[in-house]
């Protein structure tokens, strides 16, 4: 299972690296063909892709060190911080598809931070992947008297009832609305990690109208 986790993490690196490479390649191909404003924009986009890649590598390095040491340290996680940080990492992909994102969090969750970042990143990646141009994504993470809930809703292509039944098993990935590719393992890994953390995941969807993924933790795990 850990080998699958590592491969999935490296797959996450491909998009920001490819984006950065694409912008640098355009400049290297014919630098003088672009205006100063275009050059500035390309360099900013390339920098953003490289910065996200470094952040992912740092997370992966810290996580792998913990795994090798057999450590699993839980901590109080700010839901607002988790939502804000992970949404920011997808800024380029969100802007490229002109997706409207409404995201907010409130409260705390007691869990393993790297694990929750991995899970949240997989769910948000899927939301962006399957949302059409000028679509919408809503992220809400709250703690109430009974539980902690994190929901990610999108206005994307949705999921058929038959596919929902097999959603959390390893399978083939369906291309995104802009041709994005995947490995078909992210949701299975997310569920596996959430089971280990004492949480659960559910999905509601109508094909053609989008999907809502909800992560739930009992209140006692947030105390």
N, C-alpha and C. Protein backbone atom coordinates (compact mmCIF):
# COMPACT_ATOMS: atom_id res chain seq x y z
N UNK A 1 0.82 -1.22 0.00
CA UNK A 1 0.00 0.00 0.00
C UNK A 1 0.85 1.26 0.00
N UNK A 2 1.95 1.25 0.79
CA UNK A 2 2.78 2.45 0.84
C UNK A 2 3.42 2.76 -0.50
N UNK A 3 3.76 1.73 -1.27
CA UNK A 3 4.32 1.96 -2.60
C UNK A 3 3.31 2.70 -3.48
N UNK A 4 2.03 2.35 -3.33
CA UNK A 4 0.97 3.02 -4.08
C UNK A 4 0.84 4.47 -3.65
N UNK A 5 0.98 4.71 -2.35
CA UNK A 5 0.93 6.08 -1.83
C UNK A 5 2.05 6.91 -2.44
N UNK A 6 3.25 6.35 -2.46
CA UNK A 6 4.39 7.09 -3.01
C UNK A 6 4.19 7.39 -4.49
N UNK A 7 3.69 6.42 -5.25
CA UNK A 7 3.47 6.64 -6.68
C UNK A 7 2.40 7.71 -6.90
N UNK A 8 1.38 7.69 -6.06
CA UNK A 8 0.31 8.69 -6.17
C UNK A 8 0.85 10.09 -5.87
N UNK A 9 1.72 10.20 -4.87
CA UNK A 9 2.30 11.49 -4.52
C UNK A 9 3.15 12.02 -5.65
N UNK A 10 3.96 11.16 -6.25
CA UNK A 10 4.79 11.60 -7.37
C UNK A 10 3.92 12.01 -8.56
N UNK A 11 2.78 11.34 -8.72
CA UNK A 11 1.86 11.75 -9.79
C UNK A 11 1.36 13.17 -9.54
N UNK A 12 1.12 13.52 -8.28
CA UNK A 12 0.66 14.86 -7.95
C UNK A 12 1.68 15.93 -8.36
N UNK A 13 2.94 15.53 -8.45
CA UNK A 13 4.00 16.47 -8.82
C UNK A 13 3.99 16.79 -10.31
N UNK A 14 3.39 15.94 -11.10
CA UNK A 14 3.49 16.09 -12.55
C UNK A 14 2.85 17.37 -13.05
N UNK A 15 1.63 17.69 -12.56
CA UNK A 15 0.94 18.86 -13.07
C UNK A 15 1.69 20.16 -12.85
N UNK A 16 2.11 20.49 -11.61
CA UNK A 16 2.84 21.75 -11.44
C UNK A 16 4.16 21.78 -12.18
N UNK A 17 4.85 20.65 -12.25
CA UNK A 17 6.13 20.62 -12.98
C UNK A 17 5.89 20.81 -14.47
N UNK A 18 4.88 20.11 -15.02
CA UNK A 18 4.57 20.25 -16.44
C UNK A 18 4.12 21.67 -16.78
N UNK A 19 3.33 22.28 -15.88
CA UNK A 19 2.89 23.66 -16.12
C UNK A 19 4.08 24.60 -16.18
N UNK A 20 4.99 24.47 -15.21
CA UNK A 20 6.17 25.32 -15.17
C UNK A 20 7.03 25.10 -16.42
N UNK A 21 7.22 23.85 -16.79
CA UNK A 21 8.03 23.52 -17.96
C UNK A 21 7.42 24.11 -19.23
N UNK A 22 6.08 24.08 -19.32
CA UNK A 22 5.40 24.61 -20.50
C UNK A 22 5.64 26.10 -20.68
N UNK A 23 5.52 26.86 -19.60
CA UNK A 23 5.73 28.30 -19.69
C UNK A 23 7.19 28.66 -20.00
N UNK A 24 8.12 27.95 -19.36
CA UNK A 24 9.54 28.20 -19.62
C UNK A 24 9.89 27.82 -21.05
N UNK A 25 9.31 26.75 -21.56
CA UNK A 25 9.57 26.31 -22.92
C UNK A 25 9.12 27.35 -23.94
N UNK A 26 7.98 27.97 -23.69
CA UNK A 26 7.50 29.01 -24.61
C UNK A 26 8.47 30.18 -24.65
N UNK A 27 8.96 30.58 -23.48
CA UNK A 27 9.91 31.69 -23.43
C UNK A 27 11.23 31.31 -24.08
N UNK A 28 11.68 30.09 -23.85
CA UNK A 28 12.95 29.64 -24.42
C UNK A 28 12.86 29.50 -25.93
N UNK A 29 11.66 29.17 -26.43
CA UNK A 29 11.49 28.97 -27.86
C UNK A 29 11.63 30.24 -28.67
N UNK A 30 11.05 31.33 -28.19
CA UNK A 30 11.15 32.61 -28.91
C UNK A 30 10.89 33.73 -27.92
N UNK A 31 11.90 34.04 -27.13
CA UNK A 31 11.77 35.00 -26.04
C UNK A 31 11.27 36.36 -26.52
N UNK A 32 11.77 36.82 -27.67
CA UNK A 32 11.44 38.17 -28.16
C UNK A 32 10.06 38.27 -28.78
N UNK A 33 9.38 37.12 -28.94
CA UNK A 33 8.05 37.15 -29.55
C UNK A 33 6.97 37.60 -28.57
N UNK A 34 7.31 37.67 -27.29
CA UNK A 34 6.32 38.02 -26.27
C UNK A 34 6.56 39.41 -25.70
N UNK A 35 5.48 40.05 -25.29
CA UNK A 35 5.59 41.38 -24.67
C UNK A 35 6.14 41.24 -23.26
N UNK A 36 6.55 42.34 -22.67
CA UNK A 36 7.07 42.31 -21.30
C UNK A 36 6.02 41.80 -20.32
N UNK A 37 4.77 42.19 -20.56
CA UNK A 37 3.68 41.75 -19.67
C UNK A 37 3.47 40.24 -19.79
N UNK A 38 3.54 39.72 -21.03
CA UNK A 38 3.38 38.28 -21.23
C UNK A 38 4.53 37.51 -20.59
N UNK A 39 5.75 38.03 -20.73
CA UNK A 39 6.91 37.38 -20.12
C UNK A 39 6.76 37.32 -18.59
N UNK A 40 6.30 38.44 -18.03
CA UNK A 40 6.10 38.50 -16.59
C UNK A 40 5.07 37.47 -16.14
N UNK A 41 3.96 37.38 -16.90
CA UNK A 41 2.91 36.42 -16.56
C UNK A 41 3.42 34.98 -16.64
N UNK A 42 4.16 34.66 -17.71
CA UNK A 42 4.70 33.31 -17.87
C UNK A 42 5.65 32.95 -16.74
N UNK A 43 6.50 33.89 -16.37
CA UNK A 43 7.46 33.63 -15.29
C UNK A 43 6.76 33.44 -13.95
N UNK A 44 5.71 34.23 -13.72
CA UNK A 44 4.94 34.09 -12.49
C UNK A 44 4.26 32.72 -12.42
N UNK A 45 3.71 32.27 -13.56
CA UNK A 45 3.06 30.97 -13.61
C UNK A 45 4.09 29.85 -13.40
N UNK A 46 5.27 30.00 -14.01
CA UNK A 46 6.32 28.99 -13.85
C UNK A 46 6.78 28.94 -12.41
N UNK A 47 6.95 30.11 -11.80
CA UNK A 47 7.36 30.18 -10.39
C UNK A 47 6.33 29.50 -9.50
N UNK A 48 5.05 29.74 -9.78
CA UNK A 48 3.98 29.14 -8.98
C UNK A 48 4.03 27.62 -9.06
N UNK A 49 4.27 27.09 -10.27
CA UNK A 49 4.35 25.65 -10.44
C UNK A 49 5.54 25.05 -9.72
N UNK A 50 6.68 25.72 -9.81
CA UNK A 50 7.89 25.23 -9.13
C UNK A 50 7.70 25.30 -7.61
N UNK A 51 7.11 26.38 -7.12
CA UNK A 51 6.87 26.56 -5.69
C UNK A 51 5.97 25.44 -5.16
N UNK A 52 4.91 25.11 -5.90
CA UNK A 52 4.01 24.06 -5.45
C UNK A 52 4.73 22.71 -5.45
N UNK A 53 5.58 22.48 -6.45
CA UNK A 53 6.34 21.23 -6.50
C UNK A 53 7.25 21.08 -5.29
N UNK A 54 7.91 22.17 -4.91
CA UNK A 54 8.80 22.15 -3.75
C UNK A 54 8.00 21.86 -2.48
N UNK A 55 6.81 22.48 -2.37
CA UNK A 55 5.96 22.25 -1.20
C UNK A 55 5.55 20.77 -1.10
N UNK A 56 5.17 20.20 -2.24
CA UNK A 56 4.78 18.79 -2.25
C UNK A 56 5.95 17.88 -1.89
N UNK A 57 7.14 18.22 -2.39
CA UNK A 57 8.32 17.42 -2.07
C UNK A 57 8.66 17.52 -0.59
N UNK A 58 8.51 18.72 -0.01
CA UNK A 58 8.77 18.90 1.42
C UNK A 58 7.80 18.07 2.25
N UNK A 59 6.52 18.10 1.86
CA UNK A 59 5.51 17.31 2.57
C UNK A 59 5.84 15.81 2.47
N UNK A 60 6.17 15.39 1.26
CA UNK A 60 6.47 13.98 1.03
C UNK A 60 7.70 13.56 1.82
N UNK A 61 8.72 14.42 1.88
CA UNK A 61 9.94 14.11 2.62
C UNK A 61 9.65 13.93 4.10
N UNK A 62 8.86 14.86 4.67
CA UNK A 62 8.53 14.78 6.09
C UNK A 62 7.70 13.54 6.38
N UNK A 63 6.76 13.26 5.50
CA UNK A 63 5.87 12.11 5.69
C UNK A 63 6.65 10.80 5.59
N UNK A 64 7.53 10.71 4.59
CA UNK A 64 8.30 9.48 4.41
C UNK A 64 9.23 9.23 5.59
N UNK A 65 9.79 10.32 6.17
CA UNK A 65 10.63 10.17 7.35
C UNK A 65 9.84 9.57 8.51
N UNK A 66 8.60 10.04 8.68
CA UNK A 66 7.74 9.53 9.74
C UNK A 66 7.42 8.05 9.50
N UNK A 67 7.13 7.72 8.24
CA UNK A 67 6.78 6.33 7.92
C UNK A 67 7.96 5.40 8.18
N UNK A 68 9.16 5.84 7.80
CA UNK A 68 10.34 5.01 8.00
C UNK A 68 10.64 4.84 9.49
N UNK A 69 10.33 5.87 10.28
CA UNK A 69 10.55 5.80 11.72
C UNK A 69 9.42 5.08 12.46
N UNK A 70 8.36 4.78 11.72
CA UNK A 70 7.20 4.12 12.34
C UNK A 70 6.39 5.07 13.19
N UNK A 71 6.57 6.37 12.97
CA UNK A 71 5.87 7.37 13.79
C UNK A 71 4.51 7.72 13.17
N UNK A 72 3.59 8.12 14.03
CA UNK A 72 2.28 8.55 13.56
C UNK A 72 1.75 9.56 14.59
N UNK A 73 2.25 10.78 14.48
CA UNK A 73 1.94 11.80 15.48
C UNK A 73 0.71 12.62 15.07
N UNK A 74 -0.31 12.55 15.89
CA UNK A 74 -1.51 13.35 15.64
C UNK A 74 -1.34 14.72 16.30
N UNK A 75 -2.09 15.69 15.78
CA UNK A 75 -2.03 17.04 16.32
C UNK A 75 -3.34 17.75 16.04
N UNK A 76 -3.54 18.89 16.68
CA UNK A 76 -4.73 19.69 16.42
C UNK A 76 -4.52 20.45 15.11
N UNK A 77 -5.43 20.24 14.17
CA UNK A 77 -5.33 20.86 12.85
C UNK A 77 -6.41 21.92 12.71
N UNK A 78 -6.03 23.11 12.31
CA UNK A 78 -6.99 24.17 12.02
C UNK A 78 -7.70 23.85 10.71
N UNK A 79 -9.01 23.72 10.76
CA UNK A 79 -9.77 23.42 9.55
C UNK A 79 -9.68 24.57 8.54
N UNK A 80 -9.68 25.79 9.05
CA UNK A 80 -9.54 26.94 8.16
C UNK A 80 -8.17 26.92 7.47
N UNK A 81 -7.12 26.60 8.23
CA UNK A 81 -5.78 26.54 7.65
C UNK A 81 -5.65 25.43 6.63
N UNK A 82 -6.23 24.26 6.93
CA UNK A 82 -6.19 23.12 6.01
C UNK A 82 -6.85 23.48 4.69
N UNK A 83 -8.05 24.04 4.77
CA UNK A 83 -8.80 24.40 3.56
C UNK A 83 -8.06 25.47 2.76
N UNK A 84 -7.63 26.53 3.43
CA UNK A 84 -6.96 27.64 2.75
C UNK A 84 -5.67 27.20 2.06
N UNK A 85 -4.84 26.44 2.76
CA UNK A 85 -3.55 26.01 2.21
C UNK A 85 -3.72 25.09 1.01
N UNK A 86 -4.64 24.12 1.10
CA UNK A 86 -4.79 23.16 0.01
C UNK A 86 -5.46 23.79 -1.21
N UNK A 87 -6.43 24.67 -1.01
CA UNK A 87 -7.06 25.35 -2.14
C UNK A 87 -6.03 26.21 -2.87
N UNK A 88 -5.17 26.88 -2.11
CA UNK A 88 -4.14 27.73 -2.71
C UNK A 88 -3.22 26.93 -3.64
N UNK A 89 -2.93 25.69 -3.29
CA UNK A 89 -2.03 24.87 -4.09
C UNK A 89 -2.62 24.53 -5.46
N UNK A 90 -3.94 24.65 -5.58
CA UNK A 90 -4.59 24.35 -6.86
C UNK A 90 -4.97 25.62 -7.63
N UNK A 91 -4.40 26.74 -7.24
CA UNK A 91 -4.79 28.02 -7.84
C UNK A 91 -4.64 28.02 -9.35
N UNK A 92 -3.51 27.52 -9.86
CA UNK A 92 -3.28 27.54 -11.31
C UNK A 92 -4.31 26.70 -12.06
N UNK A 93 -4.58 25.48 -11.56
CA UNK A 93 -5.56 24.62 -12.22
C UNK A 93 -6.96 25.23 -12.16
N UNK A 94 -7.28 25.87 -11.04
CA UNK A 94 -8.59 26.51 -10.87
C UNK A 94 -8.73 27.69 -11.83
N UNK A 95 -7.69 28.51 -11.93
CA UNK A 95 -7.74 29.68 -12.81
C UNK A 95 -7.79 29.26 -14.28
N UNK A 96 -7.09 28.18 -14.61
CA UNK A 96 -7.05 27.72 -16.00
C UNK A 96 -8.44 27.34 -16.51
N UNK A 97 -9.29 26.84 -15.61
CA UNK A 97 -10.64 26.42 -16.01
C UNK A 97 -11.70 27.43 -15.58
N UNK A 98 -11.27 28.58 -15.08
CA UNK A 98 -12.19 29.64 -14.66
C UNK A 98 -13.24 29.11 -13.68
N UNK A 99 -12.79 28.31 -12.73
CA UNK A 99 -13.70 27.73 -11.74
C UNK A 99 -13.88 28.69 -10.57
N UNK A 100 -15.12 28.85 -10.14
CA UNK A 100 -15.42 29.66 -8.97
C UNK A 100 -15.34 28.78 -7.72
N UNK A 101 -14.53 29.20 -6.75
CA UNK A 101 -14.36 28.40 -5.54
C UNK A 101 -14.80 29.20 -4.31
N UNK A 102 -15.69 28.61 -3.55
CA UNK A 102 -16.13 29.18 -2.28
C UNK A 102 -15.69 28.22 -1.18
N UNK A 103 -14.73 28.62 -0.36
CA UNK A 103 -14.16 27.71 0.63
C UNK A 103 -13.99 28.39 1.98
N UNK A 104 -14.39 27.69 3.03
CA UNK A 104 -14.14 28.21 4.38
C UNK A 104 -14.12 27.07 5.39
N UNK A 105 -13.42 27.28 6.48
CA UNK A 105 -13.34 26.29 7.54
C UNK A 105 -13.41 26.93 8.90
N UNK A 106 -13.88 26.16 9.87
CA UNK A 106 -13.99 26.68 11.23
C UNK A 106 -13.90 25.53 12.22
N UNK A 107 -13.03 25.64 13.19
CA UNK A 107 -12.88 24.60 14.19
C UNK A 107 -11.57 23.86 14.07
N UNK A 108 -11.45 22.76 14.83
CA UNK A 108 -10.22 21.99 14.88
C UNK A 108 -10.50 20.50 14.69
N UNK A 109 -9.49 19.80 14.21
CA UNK A 109 -9.56 18.35 14.06
C UNK A 109 -8.28 17.75 14.60
N UNK A 110 -8.43 16.71 15.44
CA UNK A 110 -7.26 16.02 15.98
C UNK A 110 -6.96 14.82 15.09
N UNK A 111 -5.90 14.93 14.28
CA UNK A 111 -5.55 13.87 13.33
C UNK A 111 -4.11 14.03 12.90
N UNK A 112 -3.66 13.12 12.05
CA UNK A 112 -2.32 13.20 11.49
C UNK A 112 -2.34 14.19 10.33
N UNK A 113 -1.57 15.27 10.44
CA UNK A 113 -1.68 16.37 9.49
C UNK A 113 -1.34 15.96 8.06
N UNK A 114 -0.22 15.26 7.86
CA UNK A 114 0.17 14.88 6.50
C UNK A 114 -0.88 13.98 5.86
N UNK A 115 -1.47 13.12 6.66
CA UNK A 115 -2.51 12.24 6.14
C UNK A 115 -3.71 13.04 5.67
N UNK A 116 -4.14 14.01 6.48
CA UNK A 116 -5.30 14.80 6.11
C UNK A 116 -5.01 15.69 4.90
N UNK A 117 -3.80 16.18 4.79
CA UNK A 117 -3.43 16.96 3.61
C UNK A 117 -3.51 16.09 2.35
N UNK A 118 -3.03 14.86 2.46
CA UNK A 118 -3.07 13.93 1.33
C UNK A 118 -4.51 13.64 0.93
N UNK A 119 -5.37 13.35 1.90
CA UNK A 119 -6.77 13.04 1.62
C UNK A 119 -7.47 14.24 1.00
N UNK A 120 -7.32 15.40 1.62
CA UNK A 120 -7.99 16.60 1.14
C UNK A 120 -7.51 16.94 -0.27
N UNK A 121 -6.21 16.80 -0.50
CA UNK A 121 -5.64 17.12 -1.82
C UNK A 121 -6.22 16.21 -2.90
N UNK A 122 -6.40 14.93 -2.59
CA UNK A 122 -6.98 14.00 -3.56
C UNK A 122 -8.42 14.37 -3.90
N UNK A 123 -9.20 14.70 -2.89
CA UNK A 123 -10.60 15.05 -3.13
C UNK A 123 -10.73 16.36 -3.90
N UNK A 124 -9.92 17.35 -3.54
CA UNK A 124 -9.98 18.63 -4.23
C UNK A 124 -9.47 18.49 -5.66
N UNK A 125 -8.45 17.68 -5.86
CA UNK A 125 -7.92 17.43 -7.20
C UNK A 125 -9.00 16.84 -8.10
N UNK A 126 -9.77 15.89 -7.57
CA UNK A 126 -10.86 15.30 -8.35
C UNK A 126 -11.94 16.31 -8.67
N UNK A 127 -12.25 17.17 -7.70
CA UNK A 127 -13.28 18.19 -7.92
C UNK A 127 -12.87 19.12 -9.06
N UNK A 128 -11.63 19.56 -9.05
CA UNK A 128 -11.12 20.43 -10.12
C UNK A 128 -11.09 19.68 -11.44
N UNK A 129 -10.65 18.46 -11.39
CA UNK A 129 -10.50 17.62 -12.58
C UNK A 129 -11.82 17.42 -13.31
N UNK A 130 -12.89 17.18 -12.57
CA UNK A 130 -14.17 16.84 -13.19
C UNK A 130 -15.16 18.00 -13.26
N UNK A 131 -14.73 19.19 -12.87
CA UNK A 131 -15.57 20.37 -13.01
C UNK A 131 -15.30 21.03 -14.36
N UNK A 132 -16.36 21.41 -15.03
CA UNK A 132 -16.21 22.02 -16.35
C UNK A 132 -15.74 23.47 -16.25
N UNK A 133 -15.34 24.02 -17.37
CA UNK A 133 -14.92 25.41 -17.43
C UNK A 133 -16.06 26.31 -16.93
N UNK A 134 -15.71 27.25 -16.06
CA UNK A 134 -16.65 28.19 -15.45
C UNK A 134 -17.63 27.49 -14.51
N UNK A 135 -17.24 26.33 -14.01
CA UNK A 135 -18.05 25.63 -13.03
C UNK A 135 -17.79 26.18 -11.62
N UNK A 136 -18.26 25.44 -10.61
CA UNK A 136 -18.13 25.92 -9.23
C UNK A 136 -17.78 24.78 -8.29
N UNK A 137 -17.00 25.11 -7.27
CA UNK A 137 -16.63 24.16 -6.21
C UNK A 137 -16.86 24.85 -4.87
N UNK A 138 -17.49 24.13 -3.96
CA UNK A 138 -17.74 24.66 -2.61
C UNK A 138 -17.11 23.73 -1.59
N UNK A 139 -16.27 24.30 -0.73
CA UNK A 139 -15.59 23.53 0.31
C UNK A 139 -16.00 24.08 1.67
N UNK A 140 -16.52 23.21 2.53
CA UNK A 140 -16.93 23.63 3.87
C UNK A 140 -16.35 22.65 4.88
N UNK A 141 -15.63 23.15 5.86
CA UNK A 141 -15.06 22.31 6.92
C UNK A 141 -15.47 22.92 8.26
N UNK A 142 -16.27 22.19 9.03
CA UNK A 142 -16.79 22.74 10.29
C UNK A 142 -16.74 21.70 11.40
N UNK A 143 -16.67 22.21 12.61
CA UNK A 143 -16.74 21.39 13.82
C UNK A 143 -17.97 21.83 14.60
N UNK A 144 -18.86 20.90 14.90
CA UNK A 144 -20.01 21.24 15.72
C UNK A 144 -20.00 20.38 16.99
N UNK A 145 -21.13 20.31 17.67
CA UNK A 145 -21.18 19.60 18.95
C UNK A 145 -21.05 18.08 18.79
N UNK A 146 -21.37 17.56 17.61
CA UNK A 146 -21.37 16.11 17.42
C UNK A 146 -20.20 15.58 16.61
N UNK A 147 -19.74 16.35 15.62
CA UNK A 147 -18.74 15.82 14.71
C UNK A 147 -17.98 16.91 13.97
N UNK A 148 -16.97 16.48 13.24
CA UNK A 148 -16.24 17.35 12.32
C UNK A 148 -16.58 16.88 10.91
N UNK A 149 -17.00 17.82 10.05
CA UNK A 149 -17.37 17.48 8.68
C UNK A 149 -16.60 18.35 7.69
N UNK A 150 -16.09 17.69 6.68
CA UNK A 150 -15.43 18.40 5.58
C UNK A 150 -16.12 17.95 4.30
N UNK A 151 -16.76 18.88 3.62
CA UNK A 151 -17.46 18.54 2.38
C UNK A 151 -16.87 19.30 1.20
N UNK A 152 -16.76 18.61 0.08
CA UNK A 152 -16.27 19.21 -1.16
C UNK A 152 -17.30 18.92 -2.23
N UNK A 153 -18.00 19.97 -2.67
CA UNK A 153 -19.06 19.83 -3.66
C UNK A 153 -18.63 20.49 -4.97
N UNK A 154 -18.91 19.84 -6.08
CA UNK A 154 -18.57 20.43 -7.38
C UNK A 154 -19.75 20.36 -8.33
N UNK A 155 -19.71 21.18 -9.36
CA UNK A 155 -20.77 21.22 -10.36
C UNK A 155 -20.33 20.47 -11.62
N UNK A 156 -19.53 19.42 -11.42
CA UNK A 156 -18.94 18.70 -12.53
C UNK A 156 -19.83 17.69 -13.21
N UNK A 157 -19.20 16.66 -13.76
CA UNK A 157 -19.90 15.69 -14.60
C UNK A 157 -20.71 14.69 -13.79
N UNK A 158 -20.44 14.59 -12.49
CA UNK A 158 -21.18 13.65 -11.65
C UNK A 158 -20.73 12.22 -11.85
N UNK A 159 -21.33 11.33 -11.06
CA UNK A 159 -20.95 9.92 -11.07
C UNK A 159 -22.21 9.06 -11.13
N UNK A 160 -22.21 8.07 -12.00
CA UNK A 160 -23.38 7.19 -12.11
C UNK A 160 -23.49 6.31 -10.87
N UNK A 161 -24.68 5.80 -10.62
CA UNK A 161 -24.92 4.96 -9.44
C UNK A 161 -24.04 3.72 -9.46
N UNK A 162 -23.87 3.12 -10.62
CA UNK A 162 -23.04 1.91 -10.74
C UNK A 162 -21.59 2.20 -10.38
N UNK A 163 -21.09 3.36 -10.83
CA UNK A 163 -19.69 3.69 -10.58
C UNK A 163 -19.46 4.08 -9.13
N UNK A 164 -20.47 4.63 -8.48
CA UNK A 164 -20.34 4.98 -7.06
C UNK A 164 -20.05 3.74 -6.24
N UNK A 165 -20.69 2.63 -6.59
CA UNK A 165 -20.52 1.38 -5.84
C UNK A 165 -19.07 0.89 -5.85
N UNK A 166 -18.34 1.21 -6.94
CA UNK A 166 -16.96 0.73 -7.06
C UNK A 166 -15.95 1.87 -6.91
N UNK A 167 -16.43 2.99 -6.36
CA UNK A 167 -15.61 4.19 -6.34
C UNK A 167 -14.37 4.07 -5.47
N UNK A 168 -14.47 3.31 -4.38
CA UNK A 168 -13.36 3.23 -3.43
C UNK A 168 -12.56 1.93 -3.58
N UNK A 169 -12.50 1.45 -4.81
CA UNK A 169 -11.65 0.31 -5.13
C UNK A 169 -10.72 0.72 -6.26
N UNK A 170 -9.54 0.12 -6.32
CA UNK A 170 -8.60 0.46 -7.38
C UNK A 170 -9.23 0.17 -8.74
N UNK A 171 -9.12 1.14 -9.65
CA UNK A 171 -9.68 0.96 -10.98
C UNK A 171 -9.05 1.93 -11.96
N UNK A 172 -9.64 2.01 -13.14
CA UNK A 172 -9.13 2.91 -14.16
C UNK A 172 -9.64 4.33 -13.91
N UNK A 173 -8.77 5.30 -14.14
CA UNK A 173 -9.15 6.69 -13.98
C UNK A 173 -9.87 7.20 -15.22
N UNK A 174 -10.91 8.00 -15.01
CA UNK A 174 -11.65 8.62 -16.11
C UNK A 174 -11.04 10.00 -16.37
N UNK A 175 -10.73 10.32 -17.64
CA UNK A 175 -10.14 11.64 -17.94
C UNK A 175 -11.03 12.79 -17.47
N UNK A 176 -10.39 13.90 -17.08
CA UNK A 176 -11.14 15.05 -16.62
C UNK A 176 -11.74 15.83 -17.76
N UNK A 177 -12.45 16.91 -17.43
CA UNK A 177 -13.15 17.70 -18.45
C UNK A 177 -12.19 18.44 -19.38
N UNK A 178 -10.93 18.57 -18.99
CA UNK A 178 -9.92 19.19 -19.86
C UNK A 178 -8.87 18.16 -20.27
N UNK A 179 -9.24 16.87 -20.18
CA UNK A 179 -8.33 15.81 -20.57
C UNK A 179 -7.32 15.41 -19.51
N UNK A 180 -7.52 15.89 -18.26
CA UNK A 180 -6.59 15.54 -17.18
C UNK A 180 -6.59 14.03 -16.95
N UNK A 181 -5.41 13.51 -16.67
CA UNK A 181 -5.28 12.07 -16.43
C UNK A 181 -5.07 11.79 -14.94
N UNK A 182 -5.19 10.52 -14.56
CA UNK A 182 -4.98 10.11 -13.18
C UNK A 182 -4.60 8.65 -13.14
N UNK A 183 -4.46 8.12 -11.92
CA UNK A 183 -4.07 6.73 -11.75
C UNK A 183 -5.21 5.84 -11.24
N UNK A 184 -6.34 6.44 -10.87
CA UNK A 184 -7.47 5.64 -10.40
C UNK A 184 -7.28 5.05 -9.02
N UNK A 185 -6.41 5.65 -8.22
CA UNK A 185 -6.10 5.09 -6.90
C UNK A 185 -6.35 6.07 -5.75
N UNK A 186 -6.54 7.34 -6.07
CA UNK A 186 -6.63 8.38 -5.04
C UNK A 186 -7.74 8.18 -4.04
N UNK A 187 -8.95 7.86 -4.50
CA UNK A 187 -10.08 7.71 -3.59
C UNK A 187 -9.93 6.48 -2.71
N UNK A 188 -9.37 5.41 -3.27
CA UNK A 188 -9.15 4.21 -2.47
C UNK A 188 -8.15 4.48 -1.36
N UNK A 189 -7.10 5.20 -1.69
CA UNK A 189 -6.10 5.56 -0.68
C UNK A 189 -6.71 6.50 0.37
N UNK A 190 -7.53 7.45 -0.08
CA UNK A 190 -8.16 8.39 0.84
C UNK A 190 -9.01 7.64 1.86
N UNK A 191 -9.81 6.69 1.39
CA UNK A 191 -10.65 5.92 2.31
C UNK A 191 -9.81 5.09 3.26
N UNK A 192 -8.74 4.48 2.76
CA UNK A 192 -7.87 3.66 3.59
C UNK A 192 -7.26 4.49 4.71
N UNK A 193 -6.79 5.69 4.37
CA UNK A 193 -6.20 6.57 5.38
C UNK A 193 -7.24 7.04 6.38
N UNK A 194 -8.42 7.39 5.91
CA UNK A 194 -9.46 7.86 6.82
C UNK A 194 -9.89 6.76 7.78
N UNK A 195 -9.96 5.52 7.30
CA UNK A 195 -10.27 4.40 8.19
C UNK A 195 -9.23 4.30 9.30
N UNK A 196 -7.95 4.50 8.95
CA UNK A 196 -6.87 4.43 9.94
C UNK A 196 -6.97 5.58 10.95
N UNK A 197 -7.49 6.71 10.50
CA UNK A 197 -7.59 7.88 11.37
C UNK A 197 -8.87 7.89 12.20
N UNK A 198 -9.78 6.96 11.93
CA UNK A 198 -11.05 6.93 12.66
C UNK A 198 -12.15 7.74 12.01
N UNK A 199 -11.93 8.15 10.77
CA UNK A 199 -12.93 8.92 10.05
C UNK A 199 -13.66 8.08 9.02
N UNK A 200 -14.54 8.71 8.27
CA UNK A 200 -15.29 8.02 7.22
C UNK A 200 -15.48 8.96 6.04
N UNK A 201 -15.81 8.38 4.90
CA UNK A 201 -16.04 9.19 3.70
C UNK A 201 -17.29 8.69 2.99
N UNK A 202 -18.07 9.61 2.47
CA UNK A 202 -19.29 9.25 1.74
C UNK A 202 -19.40 10.15 0.51
N UNK A 203 -20.26 9.74 -0.42
CA UNK A 203 -20.44 10.54 -1.64
C UNK A 203 -21.90 10.54 -2.06
N UNK A 204 -22.34 11.68 -2.53
CA UNK A 204 -23.66 11.82 -3.13
C UNK A 204 -23.46 12.43 -4.52
N UNK A 205 -24.13 11.89 -5.51
CA UNK A 205 -23.94 12.41 -6.85
C UNK A 205 -25.10 12.07 -7.76
N UNK A 206 -25.36 12.97 -8.69
CA UNK A 206 -26.30 12.74 -9.78
C UNK A 206 -25.50 12.95 -11.06
N UNK A 207 -25.49 11.95 -11.90
CA UNK A 207 -24.70 12.03 -13.12
C UNK A 207 -25.11 13.26 -13.94
N UNK A 208 -24.12 14.06 -14.31
CA UNK A 208 -24.37 15.27 -15.08
C UNK A 208 -24.59 16.52 -14.24
N UNK A 209 -24.69 16.34 -12.91
CA UNK A 209 -25.00 17.48 -12.04
C UNK A 209 -23.96 17.72 -10.95
N UNK A 210 -22.90 16.92 -10.91
CA UNK A 210 -21.85 17.14 -9.91
C UNK A 210 -21.87 16.10 -8.81
N UNK A 211 -20.98 16.31 -7.84
CA UNK A 211 -20.84 15.35 -6.74
C UNK A 211 -20.48 16.07 -5.45
N UNK A 212 -20.82 15.44 -4.32
CA UNK A 212 -20.46 15.96 -3.01
C UNK A 212 -19.77 14.84 -2.23
N UNK A 213 -18.53 15.07 -1.87
CA UNK A 213 -17.79 14.13 -1.03
C UNK A 213 -17.74 14.70 0.37
N UNK A 214 -18.01 13.86 1.37
CA UNK A 214 -18.05 14.32 2.74
C UNK A 214 -17.18 13.44 3.64
N UNK A 215 -16.26 14.07 4.34
CA UNK A 215 -15.42 13.39 5.34
C UNK A 215 -16.00 13.70 6.71
N UNK A 216 -16.13 12.67 7.55
CA UNK A 216 -16.71 12.86 8.87
C UNK A 216 -15.84 12.22 9.94
N UNK A 217 -15.63 12.96 11.04
CA UNK A 217 -14.94 12.45 12.22
C UNK A 217 -15.84 12.66 13.43
N UNK A 218 -15.91 11.68 14.32
CA UNK A 218 -16.66 11.88 15.57
C UNK A 218 -16.07 13.04 16.37
N UNK A 219 -16.90 13.71 17.13
CA UNK A 219 -16.46 14.85 17.92
C UNK A 219 -15.34 14.49 18.87
N UNK A 220 -15.36 13.28 19.43
CA UNK A 220 -14.37 12.88 20.41
C UNK A 220 -12.96 12.89 19.81
N UNK A 221 -12.84 12.75 18.49
CA UNK A 221 -11.53 12.78 17.85
C UNK A 221 -11.05 14.19 17.60
N UNK A 222 -11.87 15.17 17.95
CA UNK A 222 -11.46 16.55 17.77
C UNK A 222 -11.17 17.21 19.12
N UNK A 223 -11.41 16.50 20.22
CA UNK A 223 -11.20 17.07 21.56
C UNK A 223 -9.73 17.01 21.93
